[in-house]
N, C-alpha and C. Protein backbone atom coordinates (compact mmCIF):
# COMPACT_ATOMS: atom_id res chain seq x y z
N MET A 1 116.32 109.55 94.45
CA MET A 1 116.50 110.95 94.28
C MET A 1 117.82 111.31 94.96
N LYS A 2 118.57 112.21 94.34
CA LYS A 2 119.83 112.63 94.92
C LYS A 2 119.79 114.14 95.15
N VAL A 3 120.08 114.55 96.38
CA VAL A 3 120.14 115.96 96.74
C VAL A 3 121.55 116.22 97.24
N ASP A 4 122.27 117.05 96.51
CA ASP A 4 123.70 117.24 96.75
C ASP A 4 124.35 115.86 96.71
N GLU A 5 124.93 115.41 97.80
CA GLU A 5 125.56 114.08 97.82
C GLU A 5 124.69 113.05 98.53
N ARG A 6 123.54 113.45 99.02
CA ARG A 6 122.66 112.55 99.78
C ARG A 6 121.67 111.85 98.86
N VAL A 7 121.56 110.55 99.03
CA VAL A 7 120.57 109.76 98.29
C VAL A 7 119.34 109.62 99.17
N ILE A 8 118.18 109.99 98.61
CA ILE A 8 116.92 109.89 99.33
C ILE A 8 116.02 108.91 98.59
N ASN A 9 115.62 107.86 99.28
CA ASN A 9 114.70 106.87 98.72
C ASN A 9 113.31 107.15 99.27
N VAL A 10 112.37 107.42 98.39
CA VAL A 10 110.99 107.67 98.79
C VAL A 10 110.17 106.47 98.37
N LEU A 11 109.59 105.78 99.35
CA LEU A 11 108.79 104.59 99.09
C LEU A 11 107.33 104.91 99.39
N SER A 12 106.45 104.53 98.49
CA SER A 12 105.02 104.70 98.69
C SER A 12 104.42 103.33 98.93
N ALA A 13 103.67 103.19 100.03
CA ALA A 13 103.15 101.88 100.39
C ALA A 13 101.68 101.97 100.81
N TYR A 14 100.97 100.91 100.57
CA TYR A 14 99.59 100.78 101.01
C TYR A 14 99.48 99.45 101.74
N ALA A 15 99.42 99.51 103.06
CA ALA A 15 99.40 98.30 103.88
C ALA A 15 98.03 97.64 103.83
N PRO A 16 97.98 96.34 104.08
CA PRO A 16 96.69 95.63 104.13
C PRO A 16 95.76 96.26 105.18
N GLN A 17 94.49 96.31 104.85
CA GLN A 17 93.50 96.91 105.74
C GLN A 17 93.25 96.05 106.98
N ALA A 18 92.61 96.64 107.97
CA ALA A 18 92.38 95.99 109.26
C ALA A 18 91.67 94.65 109.15
N GLY A 19 90.75 94.48 108.22
CA GLY A 19 89.98 93.24 108.12
C GLY A 19 90.69 92.09 107.43
N LEU A 20 91.87 92.33 106.87
CA LEU A 20 92.58 91.27 106.16
C LEU A 20 93.37 90.39 107.13
N SER A 21 93.84 89.27 106.62
CA SER A 21 94.48 88.26 107.47
C SER A 21 95.80 88.75 108.07
N ARG A 22 96.12 88.18 109.21
CA ARG A 22 97.39 88.47 109.88
C ARG A 22 98.56 88.09 108.96
N GLU A 23 98.40 86.98 108.22
CA GLU A 23 99.46 86.53 107.31
C GLU A 23 99.75 87.59 106.24
N SER A 24 98.71 88.21 105.68
CA SER A 24 98.94 89.22 104.65
C SER A 24 99.65 90.44 105.23
N LYS A 25 99.34 90.79 106.47
CA LYS A 25 100.00 91.92 107.13
C LYS A 25 101.46 91.59 107.43
N GLU A 26 101.71 90.39 107.92
CA GLU A 26 103.09 89.98 108.21
C GLU A 26 103.91 89.90 106.93
N ARG A 27 103.30 89.44 105.85
CA ARG A 27 104.00 89.37 104.56
C ARG A 27 104.33 90.78 104.07
N PHE A 28 103.36 91.70 104.16
CA PHE A 28 103.59 93.08 103.75
C PHE A 28 104.76 93.68 104.52
N TRP A 29 104.74 93.57 105.86
CA TRP A 29 105.79 94.17 106.66
C TRP A 29 107.12 93.46 106.46
N GLY A 30 107.11 92.16 106.28
CA GLY A 30 108.34 91.43 105.98
C GLY A 30 108.96 91.90 104.67
N ASP A 31 108.12 92.06 103.65
CA ASP A 31 108.60 92.55 102.35
C ASP A 31 109.11 93.99 102.45
N THR A 32 108.39 94.81 103.19
CA THR A 32 108.79 96.21 103.35
C THR A 32 110.13 96.31 104.07
N ILE A 33 110.29 95.56 105.14
CA ILE A 33 111.56 95.55 105.87
C ILE A 33 112.69 95.05 104.97
N SER A 34 112.41 94.03 104.17
CA SER A 34 113.42 93.48 103.27
C SER A 34 113.88 94.52 102.24
N VAL A 35 112.93 95.22 101.63
CA VAL A 35 113.27 96.24 100.63
C VAL A 35 114.11 97.35 101.26
N ILE A 36 113.68 97.84 102.41
CA ILE A 36 114.40 98.94 103.05
C ILE A 36 115.77 98.48 103.55
N SER A 37 115.86 97.26 104.04
CA SER A 37 117.14 96.73 104.53
C SER A 37 118.16 96.58 103.42
N ASP A 38 117.69 96.40 102.19
CA ASP A 38 118.60 96.27 101.06
C ASP A 38 119.19 97.60 100.60
N LEU A 39 118.66 98.71 101.09
CA LEU A 39 119.19 100.03 100.72
C LEU A 39 120.44 100.32 101.53
N SER A 40 121.24 101.22 101.03
CA SER A 40 122.46 101.61 101.73
C SER A 40 122.12 102.27 103.06
N GLU A 41 122.90 101.94 104.08
CA GLU A 41 122.68 102.53 105.41
C GLU A 41 122.92 104.03 105.42
N THR A 42 123.63 104.54 104.43
CA THR A 42 123.89 105.98 104.37
C THR A 42 122.77 106.74 103.67
N ASP A 43 121.85 106.02 103.03
CA ASP A 43 120.72 106.66 102.35
C ASP A 43 119.67 107.12 103.36
N THR A 44 118.94 108.14 103.00
CA THR A 44 117.77 108.56 103.75
C THR A 44 116.57 107.85 103.15
N VAL A 45 115.71 107.32 104.01
CA VAL A 45 114.52 106.59 103.53
C VAL A 45 113.27 107.28 104.07
N VAL A 46 112.34 107.55 103.17
CA VAL A 46 111.03 108.08 103.55
C VAL A 46 110.00 107.04 103.12
N LEU A 47 109.28 106.49 104.08
CA LEU A 47 108.20 105.54 103.80
C LEU A 47 106.89 106.30 104.00
N ALA A 48 106.16 106.49 102.93
CA ALA A 48 104.92 107.27 102.98
C ALA A 48 103.79 106.44 102.39
N GLY A 49 102.58 106.86 102.64
CA GLY A 49 101.42 106.18 102.10
C GLY A 49 100.41 105.93 103.20
N ASP A 50 99.60 104.91 103.02
CA ASP A 50 98.60 104.54 104.01
C ASP A 50 99.04 103.23 104.64
N LEU A 51 99.56 103.30 105.85
CA LEU A 51 100.04 102.11 106.53
C LEU A 51 98.94 101.42 107.33
N ASN A 52 97.73 101.99 107.27
CA ASN A 52 96.53 101.37 107.86
C ASN A 52 96.71 100.91 109.29
N GLY A 53 97.29 101.77 110.10
CA GLY A 53 97.45 101.45 111.51
C GLY A 53 97.37 102.69 112.37
N HIS A 54 97.08 102.49 113.64
CA HIS A 54 97.05 103.57 114.62
C HIS A 54 98.16 103.31 115.64
N VAL A 55 99.13 104.22 115.71
CA VAL A 55 100.25 104.03 116.64
C VAL A 55 99.93 104.52 118.04
N GLY A 56 98.80 105.18 118.22
CA GLY A 56 98.36 105.61 119.54
C GLY A 56 98.92 106.94 119.97
N ALA A 57 98.38 107.43 121.09
CA ALA A 57 98.73 108.76 121.59
C ALA A 57 100.11 108.79 122.26
N CYS A 58 100.48 107.72 122.92
CA CYS A 58 101.71 107.70 123.72
C CYS A 58 102.73 106.72 123.15
N ALA A 59 103.99 106.98 123.49
CA ALA A 59 105.07 106.11 123.02
C ALA A 59 104.99 104.73 123.65
N ASP A 60 104.66 104.64 124.93
CA ASP A 60 104.49 103.36 125.63
C ASP A 60 105.53 102.30 125.26
N GLY A 61 106.80 102.62 125.53
CA GLY A 61 107.87 101.66 125.28
C GLY A 61 108.52 101.79 123.91
N TYR A 62 108.01 102.67 123.09
CA TYR A 62 108.59 102.89 121.76
C TYR A 62 109.17 104.30 121.67
N ASP A 63 109.82 104.74 122.73
CA ASP A 63 110.30 106.11 122.82
C ASP A 63 111.27 106.50 121.71
N ASP A 64 112.02 105.55 121.18
CA ASP A 64 112.97 105.87 120.12
C ASP A 64 112.31 106.10 118.77
N VAL A 65 111.08 105.62 118.59
CA VAL A 65 110.43 105.71 117.27
C VAL A 65 109.11 106.48 117.30
N HIS A 66 108.56 106.72 118.49
CA HIS A 66 107.27 107.40 118.65
C HIS A 66 107.49 108.64 119.50
N GLY A 67 107.10 109.79 119.01
CA GLY A 67 107.36 111.04 119.71
C GLY A 67 106.40 111.39 120.83
N GLY A 68 105.35 110.59 121.03
CA GLY A 68 104.41 110.85 122.11
C GLY A 68 103.32 111.84 121.77
N CYS A 69 103.21 112.22 120.51
CA CYS A 69 102.19 113.19 120.09
C CYS A 69 101.23 112.57 119.09
N GLY A 70 100.85 111.33 119.33
CA GLY A 70 99.89 110.67 118.45
C GLY A 70 98.47 110.89 118.92
N TYR A 71 97.59 109.99 118.53
CA TYR A 71 96.18 110.13 118.89
C TYR A 71 95.55 108.76 119.13
N GLY A 72 94.68 108.70 120.09
CA GLY A 72 93.85 107.53 120.30
C GLY A 72 94.60 106.31 120.81
N ARG A 73 94.03 105.15 120.51
CA ARG A 73 94.58 103.87 120.97
C ARG A 73 95.38 103.20 119.87
N ARG A 74 96.44 102.54 120.29
CA ARG A 74 97.24 101.75 119.35
C ARG A 74 96.49 100.47 119.02
N ASN A 75 96.55 100.07 117.75
CA ASN A 75 95.96 98.79 117.36
C ASN A 75 97.07 97.86 116.86
N LEU A 76 96.69 96.64 116.50
CA LEU A 76 97.67 95.64 116.04
C LEU A 76 98.48 96.17 114.87
N GLU A 77 97.80 96.83 113.95
CA GLU A 77 98.49 97.38 112.78
C GLU A 77 99.49 98.46 113.20
N GLY A 78 99.15 99.24 114.23
CA GLY A 78 100.08 100.22 114.77
C GLY A 78 101.31 99.57 115.38
N GLU A 79 101.11 98.40 116.00
CA GLU A 79 102.25 97.63 116.52
C GLU A 79 103.19 97.22 115.38
N TYR A 80 102.61 96.79 114.25
CA TYR A 80 103.45 96.44 113.10
C TYR A 80 104.28 97.64 112.66
N ILE A 81 103.66 98.81 112.61
CA ILE A 81 104.37 100.02 112.20
C ILE A 81 105.52 100.30 113.16
N LEU A 82 105.24 100.30 114.45
CA LEU A 82 106.27 100.62 115.44
C LEU A 82 107.38 99.57 115.48
N GLU A 83 107.02 98.30 115.42
CA GLU A 83 108.04 97.24 115.41
C GLU A 83 108.92 97.35 114.17
N SER A 84 108.33 97.69 113.04
CA SER A 84 109.11 97.87 111.81
C SER A 84 110.05 99.06 111.94
N CYS A 85 109.58 100.14 112.55
CA CYS A 85 110.44 101.30 112.78
C CYS A 85 111.63 100.93 113.66
N VAL A 86 111.38 100.14 114.70
CA VAL A 86 112.47 99.70 115.57
C VAL A 86 113.48 98.89 114.76
N ALA A 87 112.99 97.94 113.97
CA ALA A 87 113.87 97.06 113.18
C ALA A 87 114.69 97.84 112.16
N LEU A 88 114.13 98.93 111.65
CA LEU A 88 114.78 99.68 110.57
C LEU A 88 115.45 100.97 111.03
N ASN A 89 115.41 101.24 112.35
CA ASN A 89 115.96 102.49 112.88
C ASN A 89 115.31 103.70 112.21
N MET A 90 113.98 103.66 112.13
CA MET A 90 113.20 104.76 111.56
C MET A 90 112.30 105.34 112.65
N VAL A 91 111.62 106.43 112.35
CA VAL A 91 110.69 107.05 113.30
C VAL A 91 109.36 107.35 112.62
N VAL A 92 108.31 107.44 113.44
CA VAL A 92 107.00 107.90 112.96
C VAL A 92 107.04 109.42 113.09
N CYS A 93 107.39 110.09 112.00
CA CYS A 93 107.62 111.55 112.04
C CYS A 93 106.42 112.32 112.57
N ASN A 94 105.23 111.92 112.17
CA ASN A 94 104.03 112.66 112.55
C ASN A 94 103.75 112.59 114.05
N SER A 95 104.39 111.68 114.75
CA SER A 95 104.19 111.58 116.20
C SER A 95 105.18 112.45 116.98
N LYS A 96 106.04 113.16 116.28
CA LYS A 96 107.09 113.94 116.92
C LYS A 96 106.70 115.38 117.24
N PHE A 97 105.55 115.84 116.74
CA PHE A 97 105.15 117.21 117.02
C PHE A 97 103.66 117.30 117.30
N LYS A 98 103.30 118.26 118.15
CA LYS A 98 101.90 118.44 118.54
C LYS A 98 101.12 119.08 117.39
N LYS A 99 99.87 118.65 117.28
CA LYS A 99 98.98 119.17 116.25
C LYS A 99 97.65 119.54 116.88
N ARG A 100 96.94 120.45 116.25
CA ARG A 100 95.58 120.74 116.70
C ARG A 100 94.74 119.50 116.48
N LEU A 101 93.71 119.33 117.31
CA LEU A 101 92.83 118.17 117.20
C LEU A 101 92.29 118.02 115.79
N SER A 102 91.93 119.11 115.15
CA SER A 102 91.37 119.03 113.80
C SER A 102 92.38 118.50 112.79
N HIS A 103 93.66 118.61 113.08
CA HIS A 103 94.70 118.11 112.18
C HIS A 103 95.06 116.65 112.44
N LEU A 104 94.54 116.08 113.52
CA LEU A 104 94.78 114.67 113.81
C LEU A 104 93.86 113.76 113.02
N ILE A 105 92.77 114.30 112.54
CA ILE A 105 91.78 113.50 111.80
C ILE A 105 92.19 113.47 110.34
N THR A 106 92.40 112.26 109.82
CA THR A 106 92.83 112.13 108.43
C THR A 106 91.69 111.80 107.48
N TYR A 107 90.58 111.30 108.02
CA TYR A 107 89.44 110.98 107.17
C TYR A 107 88.18 111.02 108.01
N SER A 108 87.14 111.64 107.50
CA SER A 108 85.85 111.59 108.17
C SER A 108 84.75 111.60 107.12
N SER A 109 83.72 110.85 107.40
CA SER A 109 82.58 110.76 106.49
C SER A 109 81.36 110.47 107.35
N GLY A 110 80.51 111.45 107.53
CA GLY A 110 79.37 111.25 108.41
C GLY A 110 79.83 111.15 109.85
N ALA A 111 79.20 110.27 110.61
CA ALA A 111 79.50 110.13 112.04
C ALA A 111 80.84 109.48 112.34
N PRO A 112 81.22 108.36 111.69
CA PRO A 112 82.51 107.73 112.02
C PRO A 112 83.69 108.61 111.59
N VAL A 113 84.74 108.59 112.40
CA VAL A 113 85.92 109.38 112.10
C VAL A 113 87.15 108.49 112.24
N ALA A 114 88.02 108.52 111.24
CA ALA A 114 89.30 107.80 111.32
C ALA A 114 90.37 108.80 111.68
N ARG A 115 91.27 108.41 112.58
CA ARG A 115 92.33 109.33 113.02
C ARG A 115 93.66 108.66 112.90
């Protein structure tokens, strides 16, 4: 997409779920990094979709890519997200601003809640 003179690449991705193998997750993130790295450094890149990870409430060493306004505990998949952001000079936009607790929940069905 081109807006004025700026090229914006919007990528939609669905990362492997938590129960899948580490190899499939590493392959997904390797492929994702490869695709984004092939784009022009002057382009804006938006990576959206379900990355199937929790980046956690705090930046904890990822201050350049995590705004400190996340939720809960970071998991392995969240580490993949943050490490990829570091490698690609990207940020987790949703972690940059405070939200009401009700807006932190992205899916709920019965008792279990995903955030």
